Protein backbone atom coordinates (compact mmCIF):
# COMPACT_ATOMS: atom_id res chain seq x y z
CA MET A 1 0.00 0.00 0.00
CA SER A 2 1.36 3.40 -0.96
CA LYS A 3 1.50 6.27 1.51
CA THR A 4 2.15 9.98 1.24
CA ILE A 5 5.00 10.91 3.57
CA LEU A 6 5.90 14.41 4.65
CA VAL A 7 9.64 15.06 5.02
CA TYR A 8 10.96 18.10 6.89
CA CYS A 9 14.59 18.94 6.18
CA GLY A 10 17.13 21.69 5.72
CA SER A 11 17.46 24.20 2.93
CA SER A 12 21.21 23.63 3.39
CA LYS A 13 23.14 20.42 2.79
CA GLY A 14 25.23 20.64 5.96
CA HIS A 15 28.99 20.20 6.08
CA ASN A 16 29.12 16.39 6.02
CA PRO A 17 28.26 14.60 2.75
CA ILE A 18 26.57 11.84 4.76
CA TYR A 19 23.45 14.00 5.07
CA GLU A 20 23.00 14.11 1.30
CA ALA A 21 23.79 10.40 0.95
CA GLU A 22 21.25 9.40 3.60
CA ALA A 23 18.58 11.65 2.07
CA LYS A 24 19.08 9.79 -1.21
CA ALA A 25 18.92 6.44 0.61
CA LEU A 26 15.61 7.52 2.14
CA MET A 27 14.20 8.19 -1.33
CA GLN A 28 15.32 4.75 -2.47
CA ALA A 29 13.42 3.29 0.51
CA PHE A 30 10.36 5.37 -0.46
CA LYS A 31 10.48 3.91 -3.98
CA LYS A 32 10.29 0.36 -2.61
CA TYR A 33 6.74 1.16 -1.42
CA ASP A 34 5.99 3.68 -4.19
CA CYS A 35 5.33 6.36 -1.55
CA LYS A 36 4.59 9.94 -2.50
CA LEU A 37 6.92 12.61 -1.10
CA ILE A 38 5.65 15.87 0.37
CA PHE A 39 8.30 18.51 1.08
CA GLY A 40 8.82 22.26 1.25
CA ALA A 41 9.08 22.64 -2.55
CA GLY A 42 12.67 23.90 -2.47
CA SER A 43 15.36 23.20 -5.05
CA VAL A 44 18.23 23.89 -2.62
CA GLY A 45 19.85 22.01 0.24
CA ILE A 46 18.57 18.65 1.41
CA MET A 47 15.14 19.63 0.05
CA GLY A 48 16.56 19.77 -3.46
CA VAL A 49 18.48 16.52 -2.95
CA LEU A 50 15.29 14.71 -1.95
CA ALA A 51 13.26 15.98 -4.88
CA ASP A 52 15.99 15.44 -7.46
CA GLU A 53 16.66 11.89 -6.28
CA TYR A 54 13.01 10.89 -6.08
CA LEU A 55 12.26 12.33 -9.50
CA ARG A 56 15.29 10.45 -10.87
CA LEU A 57 13.81 7.24 -9.42
CA GLY A 58 10.44 7.95 -11.01
CA GLY A 59 8.73 8.92 -7.75
CA HIS A 60 5.86 11.36 -7.24
CA VAL A 61 6.85 14.62 -5.52
CA ILE A 62 4.47 17.17 -3.97
CA GLY A 63 5.75 20.58 -2.88
CA VAL A 64 4.10 23.14 -0.62
CA ILE A 65 5.49 26.67 -0.54
CA PRO A 66 4.23 30.00 0.86
CA SER A 67 3.69 32.71 -1.73
CA PHE A 68 6.27 35.09 -0.24
CA MET A 69 9.02 32.56 -1.01
CA GLU A 70 8.18 32.30 -4.71
CA PRO A 71 10.10 35.47 -5.69
CA TRP A 72 13.22 33.99 -4.06
CA GLU A 73 13.35 31.56 -7.01
CA VAL A 74 14.04 28.52 -4.88
CA LYS A 75 10.90 26.62 -5.90
CA HIS A 76 11.70 23.29 -7.56
CA LYS A 77 10.61 23.43 -11.19
CA GLY A 78 10.50 19.69 -11.90
CA ILE A 79 8.01 18.37 -9.35
CA GLN A 80 4.61 16.98 -10.36
CA GLU A 81 2.47 18.98 -7.89
CA CYS A 82 3.01 22.24 -6.05
CA TYR A 83 0.65 24.05 -3.71
CA VAL A 84 1.19 27.74 -2.98
CA THR A 85 -0.17 28.94 0.37
CA GLU A 86 -0.69 32.40 1.83
CA THR A 87 1.33 31.92 5.03
CA MET A 88 3.84 29.64 6.73
CA HIS A 89 1.06 28.43 9.02
CA SER A 90 -1.22 27.51 6.14
CA ARG A 91 1.75 25.79 4.49
CA LYS A 92 2.24 23.55 7.53
CA GLN A 93 -1.50 22.87 7.70
CA LYS A 94 -1.65 21.87 4.02
CA MET A 95 1.36 19.59 4.34
CA ALA A 96 -0.19 17.85 7.33
CA GLU A 97 -3.55 17.43 5.57
CA LEU A 98 -1.87 15.63 2.67
CA ALA A 99 0.33 13.36 4.79
CA ASP A 100 0.09 9.83 6.18
CA GLY A 101 3.38 10.08 8.09
CA VAL A 102 6.15 12.51 9.03
CA ILE A 103 9.94 12.27 8.93
CA ALA A 104 12.37 14.98 10.04
CA LEU A 105 15.84 14.88 8.54
CA PRO A 106 18.66 17.11 9.78
CA GLY A 107 17.75 20.77 9.45
CA GLY A 108 17.59 24.09 11.25
CA PHE A 109 14.95 26.19 13.01
CA GLY A 110 12.30 25.54 10.37
CA THR A 111 12.71 21.78 10.58
CA LEU A 112 12.44 21.83 14.37
CA ASP A 113 9.44 24.16 14.26
CA GLU A 114 7.62 21.80 11.91
CA LEU A 115 8.60 18.69 13.86
CA PHE A 116 7.50 20.09 17.21
CA GLU A 117 4.23 21.40 15.84
CA MET A 118 3.37 17.91 14.56
CA LEU A 119 4.36 16.37 17.91
CA THR A 120 2.18 18.91 19.72
CA TRP A 121 -0.76 18.20 17.43
CA LYS A 122 -0.30 14.48 18.02
CA GLN A 123 -0.22 14.99 21.80
CA LEU A 124 -3.52 16.86 21.42
CA ASP A 125 -4.99 14.00 19.33
CA LEU A 126 -5.33 16.23 16.28
CA HIS A 127 -3.79 13.46 14.15
CA GLN A 128 -2.60 9.87 14.53
CA MET A 129 0.28 9.83 12.05
CA PRO A 130 3.66 8.33 12.81
CA ILE A 131 6.30 10.98 13.53
CA SER A 132 9.96 10.14 13.23
CA VAL A 133 13.45 11.52 12.89
CA LEU A 134 16.21 10.10 10.76
CA ASN A 135 19.11 10.51 13.15
CA THR A 136 21.87 10.64 10.54
CA ASN A 137 25.36 10.93 11.99
CA GLY A 138 23.92 11.36 15.51
CA TYR A 139 22.44 14.70 14.46
CA TYR A 140 19.52 14.47 16.88
CA ASP A 141 21.38 12.93 19.86
CA HIS A 142 21.50 16.20 21.81
CA LEU A 143 17.84 16.93 21.08
CA MET A 144 16.82 13.48 22.29
CA ALA A 145 18.81 14.05 25.49
CA GLN A 146 16.92 17.33 26.02
CA LEU A 147 13.57 15.63 25.45
CA GLN A 148 14.47 12.92 27.97
CA HIS A 149 15.43 15.70 30.41
CA MET A 150 11.95 17.15 29.92
CA VAL A 151 10.47 13.75 30.89
CA ASP A 152 12.82 13.44 33.87
CA GLU A 153 11.83 16.91 35.10
CA GLY A 154 8.10 16.25 34.74
CA PHE A 155 7.29 18.51 31.80
CA LEU A 156 6.70 15.77 29.22
CA LYS A 157 4.99 12.40 29.62
CA SER A 158 7.12 9.41 28.69
CA PRO A 159 4.46 7.84 26.39
CA ASN A 160 4.33 11.09 24.41
CA LEU A 161 8.10 11.07 23.93
CA GLU A 162 7.89 7.42 22.88
CA ALA A 163 5.54 8.49 20.07
CA LEU A 164 8.60 10.00 18.35
CA GLN A 165 10.36 7.22 16.45
CA VAL A 166 14.13 7.69 16.18
CA GLU A 167 15.98 5.69 13.54
CA THR A 168 19.40 5.75 11.91
CA ASN A 169 18.60 3.50 8.95
CA PRO A 170 16.41 5.01 6.20
CA ALA A 171 15.02 1.67 5.02
CA VAL A 172 14.10 0.58 8.55
CA LEU A 173 12.42 3.94 9.13
CA VAL A 174 10.23 3.61 6.03
CA ASP A 175 9.34 0.03 7.02
CA TYR A 176 8.26 1.39 10.43
CA ILE A 177 6.01 4.02 8.85
CA MET A 178 4.46 1.53 6.46
CA GLY A 179 3.60 -0.84 9.33
CA TYR A 180 2.61 1.82 11.85
CA GLU A 181 -0.31 1.31 14.22
CA PRO A 182 -1.40 4.43 16.18
CA GLU A 183 -0.56 4.47 19.88
CA LYS A 184 -2.66 5.93 22.71
CA MET A 185 -1.39 9.40 23.59
CA GLU A 186 -1.13 10.60 27.19
CA LYS A 187 -3.38 13.62 27.73
CA LYS A 188 -1.23 15.36 30.31
CA TRP A 189 -3.20 18.60 30.17
CA ILE A 190 -6.30 17.02 31.79
CA TYR A 191 -4.51 16.24 35.05
CA ARG A 192 -4.17 18.77 37.87
CA GLY A 193 -0.93 19.32 39.75
């Protein structure tokens, strides 16, 4: 069964070529299941690597970009579908509406913003999609330590952290998403004290 998977990632490639290589490996894993790719519509950085590789493999690529970014001339010209939204918020909403699952690759503020919004929405039971990070080269190790610290200090429920799948192997990550069964989220906000 094919799924449409939303990938958040950087508009830079990073300093280590492993990030580009693992992004390509992820697209090869997508092709095994004939998944559709949703991404930020960019032609630069890891975004461009994903789109170029998946198009090369014959995959279907969907971009979503806010209108104010169009004049920057970073929109990928070769993708099959592209939605233009009014705002960054409506961009994130549209991406989520189209998706069956979420993967965050290495990236910057934008990637983390998107990842945490989807985790927050999941905690609030606004969706039941799998959310994951591809922890290439240990990129997310420090973030995962911070999230565990939040659990240890009582600001995050352990089951909600466990809803974030962390994987280092692109093929294993795609297998996880394809076989995903929704888990019960902890509604921490309904408890006093």
